[in-house]
C-alpha atoms as a PDB file:
ATOM      1  CA  UNK A   1      26.004   3.239  -1.483  1.00  0.00           C
ATOM      2  CA  UNK A   2      25.627   3.984  -5.522  1.00  0.00           C
ATOM      3  CA  UNK A   3      22.603   5.950  -6.684  1.00  0.00           C
ATOM      4  CA  UNK A   4      21.249   2.657  -8.278  1.00  0.00           C
ATOM      5  CA  UNK A   5      20.854   1.301  -4.982  1.00  0.00           C
ATOM      6  CA  UNK A   6      19.778   4.543  -3.081  1.00  0.00           C
ATOM      7  CA  UNK A   7      16.868   4.824  -6.070  1.00  0.00           C
ATOM      8  CA  UNK A   8      15.477   1.598  -4.959  1.00  0.00           C
ATOM      9  CA  UNK A   9      15.961   1.894  -1.303  1.00  0.00           C
ATOM     10  CA  UNK A  10      13.650   5.310  -1.624  1.00  0.00           C
ATOM     11  CA  UNK A  11      10.865   3.903  -3.638  1.00  0.00           C
ATOM     12  CA  UNK A  12      10.608   0.499  -1.535  1.00  0.00           C
ATOM     13  CA  UNK A  13      10.403  -1.592  -4.815  1.00  0.00           C
ATOM     14  CA  UNK A  14       8.913  -4.599  -3.097  1.00  0.00           C
ATOM     15  CA  UNK A  15       5.674  -2.157  -2.425  1.00  0.00           C
ATOM     16  CA  UNK A  16       5.819  -1.070  -5.816  1.00  0.00           C
ATOM     17  CA  UNK A  17       6.043  -4.824  -7.273  1.00  0.00           C
ATOM     18  CA  UNK A  18       2.936  -5.549  -5.138  1.00  0.00           C
ATOM     19  CA  UNK A  19       1.080  -2.929  -6.991  1.00  0.00           C
ATOM     20  CA  UNK A  20       2.170  -4.283  -9.943  1.00  0.00           C
ATOM     21  CA  UNK A  21       1.287  -7.921  -9.151  1.00  0.00           C
ATOM     22  CA  UNK A  22      -2.305  -6.829  -8.043  1.00  0.00           C
ATOM     23  CA  UNK A  23      -2.937  -5.067 -11.215  1.00  0.00           C
ATOM     24  CA  UNK A  24      -1.376  -8.176 -13.095  1.00  0.00           C
ATOM     25  CA  UNK A  25      -3.440 -10.990 -11.445  1.00  0.00           C
ATOM     26  CA  UNK A  26      -7.338  -8.194 -11.879  1.00  0.00           C
ATOM     27  CA  UNK A  27      -6.481  -8.220 -15.231  1.00  0.00           C
ATOM     28  CA  UNK A  28      -5.996 -11.988 -14.953  1.00  0.00           C
ATOM     29  CA  UNK A  29      -8.923 -12.554 -13.791  1.00  0.00           C
ATOM     30  CA  UNK A  30     -10.910 -10.885 -16.277  1.00  0.00           C
ATOM     31  CA  UNK A  31      -9.397 -13.057 -19.158  1.00  0.00           C
ATOM     32  CA  UNK A  32      -7.146  -9.437 -20.646  1.00  0.00           C
ATOM     33  CA  UNK A  33      -3.421  -9.979 -20.270  1.00  0.00           C
ATOM     34  CA  UNK A  34      -2.462  -7.749 -22.701  1.00  0.00           C
ATOM     35  CA  UNK A  35      -0.443  -4.940 -23.886  1.00  0.00           C
ATOM     36  CA  UNK A  36      -3.046  -2.366 -21.737  1.00  0.00           C
ATOM     37  CA  UNK A  37      -2.092  -4.927 -18.625  1.00  0.00           C
ATOM     38  CA  UNK A  38       1.578  -3.911 -19.002  1.00  0.00           C
ATOM     39  CA  UNK A  39       0.903  -0.438 -19.088  1.00  0.00           C
ATOM     40  CA  UNK A  40      -1.263   0.216 -16.592  1.00  0.00           C
ATOM     41  CA  UNK A  41       0.695  -1.729 -14.043  1.00  0.00           C
ATOM     42  CA  UNK A  42       4.046  -0.257 -14.907  1.00  0.00           C
ATOM     43  CA  UNK A  43       1.947   2.917 -14.323  1.00  0.00           C
ATOM     44  CA  UNK A  44       0.865   1.499 -11.054  1.00  0.00           C
ATOM     45  CA  UNK A  45       4.010   0.604 -10.172  1.00  0.00           C
ATOM     46  CA  UNK A  46       5.750   4.822 -11.008  1.00  0.00           C
ATOM     47  CA  UNK A  47       2.538   6.137  -8.909  1.00  0.00           C
ATOM     48  CA  UNK A  48       3.387   4.150  -5.692  1.00  0.00           C
ATOM     49  CA  UNK A  49       7.074   4.894  -6.298  1.00  0.00           C
ATOM     50  CA  UNK A  50       6.420   8.787  -6.191  1.00  0.00           C
ATOM     51  CA  UNK A  51       3.990   8.461  -3.522  1.00  0.00           C
ATOM     52  CA  UNK A  52       6.805   6.178  -1.428  1.00  0.00           C
ATOM     53  CA  UNK A  53       9.654   9.238  -2.512  1.00  0.00           C
ATOM     54  CA  UNK A  54       7.101  12.133  -1.745  1.00  0.00           C
ATOM     55  CA  UNK A  55       6.171  10.531   1.583  1.00  0.00           C
ATOM     56  CA  UNK A  56      10.126  10.328   2.558  1.00  0.00           C
ATOM     57  CA  UNK A  57       9.899  14.050   1.313  1.00  0.00           C
ATOM     58  CA  UNK A  58       7.430  15.250   4.109  1.00  0.00           C
ATOM     59  CA  UNK A  59       8.531  12.892   6.696  1.00  0.00           C
ATOM     60  CA  UNK A  60      12.504  14.077   6.908  1.00  0.00           C
ATOM     61  CA  UNK A  61      12.285  15.204  10.069  1.00  0.00           C
ATOM     62  CA  UNK A  62      10.419  12.108  11.439  1.00  0.00           C
ATOM     63  CA  UNK A  63      12.748   9.669   9.836  1.00  0.00           C
ATOM     64  CA  UNK A  64      15.650  11.694  11.310  1.00  0.00           C
ATOM     65  CA  UNK A  65      14.295   9.625  14.261  1.00  0.00           C
ATOM     66  CA  UNK A  66      12.648   6.739  13.534  1.00  0.00           C
ATOM     67  CA  UNK A  67      14.773   5.753  10.120  1.00  0.00           C
ATOM     68  CA  UNK A  68      17.663   7.485  10.433  1.00  0.00           C
ATOM     69  CA  UNK A  69      19.405   5.244   8.003  1.00  0.00           C
ATOM     70  CA  UNK A  70      16.422   6.326   5.224  1.00  0.00           C
ATOM     71  CA  UNK A  71      17.964   7.991   1.999  1.00  0.00           C
ATOM     72  CA  UNK A  72      17.556  11.779   2.888  1.00  0.00           C
ATOM     73  CA  UNK A  73      18.195  12.349   6.695  1.00  0.00           C
ATOM     74  CA  UNK A  74      21.142  10.239   5.572  1.00  0.00           C
ATOM     75  CA  UNK A  75      21.880  12.414   3.025  1.00  0.00           C
ATOM     76  CA  UNK A  76      22.479  10.106   0.455  1.00  0.00           C
ATOM     77  CA  UNK A  77      19.521  12.181  -1.336  1.00  0.00           C
ATOM     78  CA  UNK A  78      18.795  15.888  -1.397  1.00  0.00           C
ATOM     79  CA  UNK A  79      15.326  17.254  -0.228  1.00  0.00           C
ATOM     80  CA  UNK A  80      15.499  18.907  -3.408  1.00  0.00           C
ATOM     81  CA  UNK A  81      16.391  16.200  -5.468  1.00  0.00           C
ATOM     82  CA  UNK A  82      13.661  13.326  -3.522  1.00  0.00           C
ATOM     83  CA  UNK A  83      10.865  16.165  -4.642  1.00  0.00           C
ATOM     84  CA  UNK A  84      12.265  16.454  -8.373  1.00  0.00           C
ATOM     85  CA  UNK A  85      12.474  12.105  -8.314  1.00  0.00           C
ATOM     86  CA  UNK A  86       9.039  12.291  -7.000  1.00  0.00           C
ATOM     87  CA  UNK A  87       7.572  14.881  -9.579  1.00  0.00           C
ATOM     88  CA  UNK A  88       8.793  12.569 -11.972  1.00  0.00           C
ATOM     89  CA  UNK A  89       7.934   9.506 -11.129  1.00  0.00           C
ATOM     90  CA  UNK A  90       4.516  10.917 -11.056  1.00  0.00           C
ATOM     91  CA  UNK A  91       4.905  12.532 -14.372  1.00  0.00           C
ATOM     92  CA  UNK A  92       6.195   9.700 -16.290  1.00  0.00           C
ATOM     93  CA  UNK A  93       3.076   7.675 -14.581  1.00  0.00           C
ATOM     94  CA  UNK A  94       0.764   9.682 -16.029  1.00  0.00           C
ATOM     95  CA  UNK A  95       1.870   9.741 -19.697  1.00  0.00           C
ATOM     96  CA  UNK A  96       1.840   5.467 -19.640  1.00  0.00           C
ATOM     97  CA  UNK A  97      -1.898   6.241 -18.241  1.00  0.00           C
ATOM     98  CA  UNK A  98      -2.487   8.716 -20.742  1.00  0.00           C
ATOM     99  CA  UNK A  99      -1.987   5.596 -23.042  1.00  0.00           C
ATOM    100  CA  UNK A 100      -5.054   4.008 -22.134  1.00  0.00           C
ATOM    101  CA  UNK A 101      -7.667   6.647 -22.674  1.00  0.00           C
ATOM    102  CA  UNK A 102      -9.274   9.965 -20.842  1.00  0.00           C
ATOM    103  CA  UNK A 103     -10.568   8.455 -18.140  1.00  0.00           C
ATOM    104  CA  UNK A 104      -7.523   6.161 -17.125  1.00  0.00           C
ATOM    105  CA  UNK A 105      -5.239   9.274 -16.882  1.00  0.00           C
ATOM    106  CA  UNK A 106      -8.044  11.322 -14.920  1.00  0.00           C
ATOM    107  CA  UNK A 107      -8.123   8.255 -12.502  1.00  0.00           C
ATOM    108  CA  UNK A 108      -4.264   8.552 -12.198  1.00  0.00           C
ATOM    109  CA  UNK A 109      -3.689  12.019 -11.740  1.00  0.00           C
ATOM    110  CA  UNK A 110      -6.450  11.813  -9.013  1.00  0.00           C
ATOM    111  CA  UNK A 111      -4.691   9.496  -7.021  1.00  0.00           C
ATOM    112  CA  UNK A 112      -1.712  11.034  -7.876  1.00  0.00           C
ATOM    113  CA  UNK A 113      -3.017  14.043  -6.186  1.00  0.00           C
ATOM    114  CA  UNK A 114      -4.531  12.079  -3.313  1.00  0.00           C
ATOM    115  CA  UNK A 115      -1.296  10.307  -2.267  1.00  0.00           C
ATOM    116  CA  UNK A 116       0.526  14.000  -2.228  1.00  0.00           C
ATOM    117  CA  UNK A 117      -1.896  15.217   0.001  1.00  0.00           C
ATOM    118  CA  UNK A 118      -1.983  12.089   2.459  1.00  0.00           C
ATOM    119  CA  UNK A 119       2.089  12.862   2.698  1.00  0.00           C
ATOM    120  CA  UNK A 120       1.753  16.278   3.525  1.00  0.00           C
ATOM    121  CA  UNK A 121      -1.253  15.620   5.839  1.00  0.00           C
ATOM    122  CA  UNK A 122      -1.374  12.433   6.866  1.00  0.00           C
ATOM    123  CA  UNK A 123       0.793  12.980  10.114  1.00  0.00           C
ATOM    124  CA  UNK A 124      -1.984  15.431  11.443  1.00  0.00           C
ATOM    125  CA  UNK A 125      -5.475  14.315  10.734  1.00  0.00           C
ATOM    126  CA  UNK A 126      -5.529  11.007  12.493  1.00  0.00           C
ATOM    127  CA  UNK A 127      -7.231   8.118  11.415  1.00  0.00           C
ATOM    128  CA  UNK A 128      -8.463   9.924   8.297  1.00  0.00           C
ATOM    129  CA  UNK A 129      -5.414  10.070   7.144  1.00  0.00           C
ATOM    130  CA  UNK A 130      -4.726   6.074   6.999  1.00  0.00           C
ATOM    131  CA  UNK A 131      -8.430   5.888   5.608  1.00  0.00           C
ATOM    132  CA  UNK A 132      -7.172   8.024   2.387  1.00  0.00           C
ATOM    133  CA  UNK A 133      -4.221   6.212   2.240  1.00  0.00           C
ATOM    134  CA  UNK A 134      -5.850   2.858   2.201  1.00  0.00           C
ATOM    135  CA  UNK A 135      -8.865   3.978  -0.168  1.00  0.00           C
ATOM    136  CA  UNK A 136      -6.052   5.280  -2.419  1.00  0.00           C
ATOM    137  CA  UNK A 137      -3.962   1.781  -2.296  1.00  0.00           C
ATOM    138  CA  UNK A 138      -7.284  -0.277  -3.503  1.00  0.00           C
ATOM    139  CA  UNK A 139      -8.216   2.109  -5.451  1.00  0.00           C
ATOM    140  CA  UNK A 140      -5.978   0.453  -8.681  1.00  0.00           C
ATOM    141  CA  UNK A 141      -8.730  -2.079  -8.739  1.00  0.00           C
ATOM    142  CA  UNK A 142     -11.091   1.180  -9.604  1.00  0.00           C
ATOM    143  CA  UNK A 143      -8.338   1.588 -11.987  1.00  0.00           C
ATOM    144  CA  UNK A 144      -8.283  -1.246 -13.795  1.00  0.00           C
ATOM    145  CA  UNK A 145     -11.602  -1.749 -13.618  1.00  0.00           C
ATOM    146  CA  UNK A 146     -12.224   1.608 -16.129  1.00  0.00           C
ATOM    147  CA  UNK A 147      -9.432   0.387 -18.467  1.00  0.00           C
ATOM    148  CA  UNK A 148     -11.691  -2.765 -18.764  1.00  0.00           C
ATOM    149  CA  UNK A 149     -14.935  -1.506 -17.907  1.00  0.00           C
ATOM    150  CA  UNK A 150     -15.256  -4.060 -15.270  1.00  0.00           C
ATOM    151  CA  UNK A 151     -16.587  -2.508 -11.999  1.00  0.00           C
ATOM    152  CA  UNK A 152     -18.874  -4.958 -10.557  1.00  0.00           C
ATOM    153  CA  UNK A 153     -16.277  -7.394 -10.055  1.00  0.00           C
ATOM    154  CA  UNK A 154     -13.731  -4.578  -8.971  1.00  0.00           C
ATOM    155  CA  UNK A 155     -16.297  -3.693  -6.475  1.00  0.00           C
ATOM    156  CA  UNK A 156     -15.778  -6.843  -5.078  1.00  0.00           C
ATOM    157  CA  UNK A 157     -11.702  -7.178  -5.356  1.00  0.00           C
ATOM    158  CA  UNK A 158     -11.333  -3.670  -3.712  1.00  0.00           C
ATOM    159  CA  UNK A 159     -12.944  -4.824  -0.717  1.00  0.00           C
ATOM    160  CA  UNK A 160     -10.364  -7.198   1.180  1.00  0.00           C
ATOM    161  CA  UNK A 161      -7.696  -5.034  -0.608  1.00  0.00           C
ATOM    162  CA  UNK A 162      -9.057  -1.856   1.533  1.00  0.00           C
ATOM    163  CA  UNK A 163      -8.591  -3.498   4.947  1.00  0.00           C
ATOM    164  CA  UNK A 164      -5.821  -4.486   4.545  1.00  0.00           C
ATOM    165  CA  UNK A 165      -3.998  -1.499   3.578  1.00  0.00           C
ATOM    166  CA  UNK A 166      -6.039   0.607   6.496  1.00  0.00           C
ATOM    167  CA  UNK A 167      -4.702  -2.338   8.705  1.00  0.00           C
ATOM    168  CA  UNK A 168      -1.015  -1.403   7.694  1.00  0.00           C
ATOM    169  CA  UNK A 169      -1.072   2.413   7.459  1.00  0.00           C
ATOM    170  CA  UNK A 170      -2.266   2.038  11.264  1.00  0.00           C
ATOM    171  CA  UNK A 171       0.804  -0.931  12.023  1.00  0.00           C
ATOM    172  CA  UNK A 172       2.827   1.716  10.784  1.00  0.00           C
ATOM    173  CA  UNK A 173       1.820   4.764  13.011  1.00  0.00           C
ATOM    174  CA  UNK A 174       2.832   2.903  15.622  1.00  0.00           C
ATOM    175  CA  UNK A 175       6.336   2.142  14.102  1.00  0.00           C
ATOM    176  CA  UNK A 176       6.576   5.733  13.474  1.00  0.00           C
ATOM    177  CA  UNK A 177       5.495   6.541  17.156  1.00  0.00           C
ATOM    178  CA  UNK A 178       8.854   7.867  18.570  1.00  0.00           C
ATOM    179  CA  UNK A 179       9.393  10.501  15.572  1.00  0.00           C
ATOM    180  CA  UNK A 180       5.592  11.487  15.533  1.00  0.00           C
ATOM    181  CA  UNK A 181       5.911  12.491  18.686  1.00  0.00           C
ATOM    182  CA  UNK A 182       8.632  14.309  18.706  1.00  0.00           C
ATOM    183  CA  UNK A 183       7.565  16.855  15.840  1.00  0.00           C
ATOM    184  CA  UNK A 184       3.929  17.166  17.288  1.00  0.00           C
ATOM    185  CA  UNK A 185       2.117  14.713  15.284  1.00  0.00           C
ATOM    186  CA  UNK A 186      -1.224  13.617  15.361  1.00  0.00           C
ATOM    187  CA  UNK A 187      -2.045  10.080  14.015  1.00  0.00           C
ATOM    188  CA  UNK A 188      -4.407   7.662  15.674  1.00  0.00           C
ATOM    189  CA  UNK A 189      -1.621   5.519  17.465  1.00  0.00           C
ATOM    190  CA  UNK A 190      -0.950   9.178  19.304  1.00  0.00           C
ATOM    191  CA  UNK A 191      -4.354  10.104  19.737  1.00  0.00           C
ATOM    192  CA  UNK A 192      -5.947   6.752  21.322  1.00  0.00           C
ATOM    193  CA  UNK A 193      -2.776   4.637  21.960  1.00  0.00           C
ATOM    194  CA  UNK A 194      -1.035   1.802  20.871  1.00  0.00           C
ATOM    195  CA  UNK A 195      -3.041  -0.477  22.257  1.00  0.00           C
ATOM    196  CA  UNK A 196      -6.215   0.632  20.722  1.00  0.00           C
ATOM    197  CA  UNK A 197      -4.215   1.230  17.352  1.00  0.00           C
ATOM    198  CA  UNK A 198      -3.087  -2.060  17.524  1.00  0.00           C
ATOM    199  CA  UNK A 199      -6.952  -3.758  18.283  1.00  0.00           C
ATOM    200  CA  UNK A 200      -8.479  -1.890  15.354  1.00  0.00           C
ATOM    201  CA  UNK A 201      -5.616  -2.896  12.916  1.00  0.00           C
ATOM    202  CA  UNK A 202      -5.903  -6.824  14.234  1.00  0.00           C
ATOM    203  CA  UNK A 203      -9.594  -6.347  13.494  1.00  0.00           C
ATOM    204  CA  UNK A 204      -9.360  -4.920  10.044  1.00  0.00           C
ATOM    205  CA  UNK A 205      -6.992  -7.604   9.040  1.00  0.00           C
ATOM    206  CA  UNK A 206      -9.609 -10.312   9.762  1.00  0.00           C
ATOM    207  CA  UNK A 207     -12.023  -8.304   8.293  1.00  0.00           C
ATOM    208  CA  UNK A 208      -9.841  -8.429   5.463  1.00  0.00           C
ATOM    209  CA  UNK A 209      -9.160 -12.095   5.789  1.00  0.00           C
ATOM    210  CA  UNK A 210     -13.548 -12.647   6.158  1.00  0.00           C
ATOM    211  CA  UNK A 211     -13.942 -10.724   3.232  1.00  0.00           C
ATOM    212  CA  UNK A 212     -11.276 -12.570   0.913  1.00  0.00           C
ATOM    213  CA  UNK A 213     -13.474 -16.002   1.954  1.00  0.00           C
ATOM    214  CA  UNK A 214     -16.471 -14.840   0.790  1.00  0.00           C
ATOM    215  CA  UNK A 215     -14.899 -13.568  -2.159  1.00  0.00           C
ATOM    216  CA  UNK A 216     -12.972 -17.157  -2.635  1.00  0.00           C
ATOM    217  CA  UNK A 217     -16.599 -18.295  -1.779  1.00  0.00           C
ATOM    218  CA  UNK A 218     -18.633 -17.534  -4.113  1.00  0.00           C
ATOM    219  CA  UNK A 219     -16.466 -15.308  -7.039  1.00  0.00           C
ATOM    220  CA  UNK A 220     -13.726 -17.741  -7.583  1.00  0.00           C
ATOM    221  CA  UNK A 221     -14.308 -21.324  -5.757  1.00  0.00           C
ATOM    222  CA  UNK A 222     -10.963 -22.988  -5.695  1.00  0.00           C
ATOM    223  CA  UNK A 223      -8.711 -25.381  -3.612  1.00  0.00           C
ATOM    224  CA  UNK A 224      -5.856 -23.497  -3.995  1.00  0.00           C
ATOM    225  CA  UNK A 225      -7.070 -20.231  -3.377  1.00  0.00           C
ATOM    226  CA  UNK A 226      -8.703 -21.797   0.035  1.00  0.00           C
ATOM    227  CA  UNK A 227      -5.573 -22.443   1.072  1.00  0.00           C
ATOM    228  CA  UNK A 228      -3.663 -19.451   0.583  1.00  0.00           C
ATOM    229  CA  UNK A 229      -6.493 -17.726   2.573  1.00  0.00           C
ATOM    230  CA  UNK A 230      -5.652 -20.326   4.873  1.00  0.00           C
ATOM    231  CA  UNK A 231      -2.063 -19.921   5.076  1.00  0.00           C
ATOM    232  CA  UNK A 232      -2.455 -16.065   5.384  1.00  0.00           C
ATOM    233  CA  UNK A 233      -5.033 -16.568   8.312  1.00  0.00           C
ATOM    234  CA  UNK A 234      -2.620 -18.858   9.903  1.00  0.00           C
ATOM    235  CA  UNK A 235       0.599 -16.341   9.484  1.00  0.00           C
ATOM    236  CA  UNK A 236      -2.084 -12.936  10.741  1.00  0.00           C
ATOM    237  CA  UNK A 237      -2.630 -15.267  13.734  1.00  0.00           C
ATOM    238  CA  UNK A 238       0.639 -15.644  15.003  1.00  0.00           C
ATOM    239  CA  UNK A 239       1.956 -12.421  13.954  1.00  0.00           C
ATOM    240  CA  UNK A 240      -0.655 -10.167  15.739  1.00  0.00           C
ATOM    241  CA  UNK A 241      -0.735 -12.451  18.921  1.00  0.00           C
ATOM    242  CA  UNK A 242       2.811 -11.009  19.383  1.00  0.00           C
ATOM    243  CA  UNK A 243       2.083  -7.864  17.948  1.00  0.00           C
ATOM    244  CA  UNK A 244      -0.736  -6.960  20.061  1.00  0.00           C
ATOM    245  CA  UNK A 245       1.465  -8.208  23.172  1.00  0.00           C
ATOM    246  CA  UNK A 246       3.816  -4.980  22.434  1.00  0.00           C
ATOM    247  CA  UNK A 247       2.473  -3.340  19.570  1.00  0.00           C
ATOM    248  CA  UNK A 248       5.494  -1.352  19.048  1.00  0.00           C
ATOM    249  CA  UNK A 249       7.963  -3.985  19.438  1.00  0.00           C
ATOM    250  CA  UNK A 250       6.606  -5.727  16.753  1.00  0.00           C
ATOM    251  CA  UNK A 251       5.055  -3.621  14.381  1.00  0.00           C
ATOM    252  CA  UNK A 252       7.886  -3.863  11.779  1.00  0.00           C
ATOM    253  CA  UNK A 253       7.993  -7.583  11.905  1.00  0.00           C
ATOM    254  CA  UNK A 254       3.843  -7.636  11.098  1.00  0.00           C
ATOM    255  CA  UNK A 255       3.938  -5.177   8.398  1.00  0.00           C
ATOM    256  CA  UNK A 256       6.072  -7.708   6.476  1.00  0.00           C
ATOM    257  CA  UNK A 257       3.974 -10.416   7.723  1.00  0.00           C
ATOM    258  CA  UNK A 258       0.938  -8.200   6.149  1.00  0.00           C
ATOM    259  CA  UNK A 259       3.105  -8.175   2.819  1.00  0.00           C
ATOM    260  CA  UNK A 260       3.882 -11.458   2.673  1.00  0.00           C
ATOM    261  CA  UNK A 261       0.087 -12.226   3.434  1.00  0.00           C
ATOM    262  CA  UNK A 262      -0.763  -9.749   0.654  1.00  0.00           C
ATOM    263  CA  UNK A 263       1.310 -11.772  -2.223  1.00  0.00           C
ATOM    264  CA  UNK A 264       0.010 -15.568  -0.553  1.00  0.00           C
ATOM    265  CA  UNK A 265      -3.193 -14.551  -1.482  1.00  0.00           C
ATOM    266  CA  UNK A 266      -2.501 -12.459  -5.136  1.00  0.00           C
ATOM    267  CA  UNK A 267      -0.499 -15.209  -5.949  1.00  0.00           C
ATOM    268  CA  UNK A 268      -3.447 -18.599  -5.133  1.00  0.00           C
ATOM    269  CA  UNK A 269      -5.258 -16.079  -8.187  1.00  0.00           C
ATOM    270  CA  UNK A 270      -2.398 -16.994 -10.725  1.00  0.00           C
ATOM    271  CA  UNK A 271      -2.104 -20.511  -9.778  1.00  0.00           C
ATOM    272  CA  UNK A 272      -3.766 -22.972 -11.923  1.00  0.00           C
END
């Protein structure tokens, strides 16, 4: 496997693209698609990539059990080089952000630090770690708000993204339970059981959809968004129906569905 394929696998480009798309959609909603939007989207993409790499760095022992084919446990990249790659991505992201002003730079430095803390400590602080990651993910909207001085709109937009992200983080911890239990981690599913964790993840995804409905109804009442919400709700119901019966078996599929839901909802904002 060549270095480009390894790079793409370790940064998880789909997750990074969704973060980039979220930024671009919000700029589009505000009617200010310009160079600032591209710089902001690029910095968020790189921060997300750096966060994914540093997460793999700290989860290397867990991934030997859960995902032995990931770049670090499979030997495609050393721990040292993975750490250097993560640092390079974070620094580059903040360099892009510095072009947008002092406050955007402070914001991206803070989020970078939060993602590093999450990667190092998340498996030891239970549900709090999931909440921290969900906040870091959804706060990219506040980042756009800082750049465009539109905090009121960004607060409305951040709520459904936070609950969707929290649901996804809980599902991910359910998937990681075999490896986490071996190395003595303290995640919410291990503490409370996979069934309770799955129920909470289901509640969070439907809270996201409920907030999305009211957000669309009062702020962007257009047919294509309601259609996107209907499709997303159907996908959520179908995927979580199986997931609640056997969480560990269906965790990977639910994560894929959650990404699809995010893309569908975001696409609804840009389709006329």
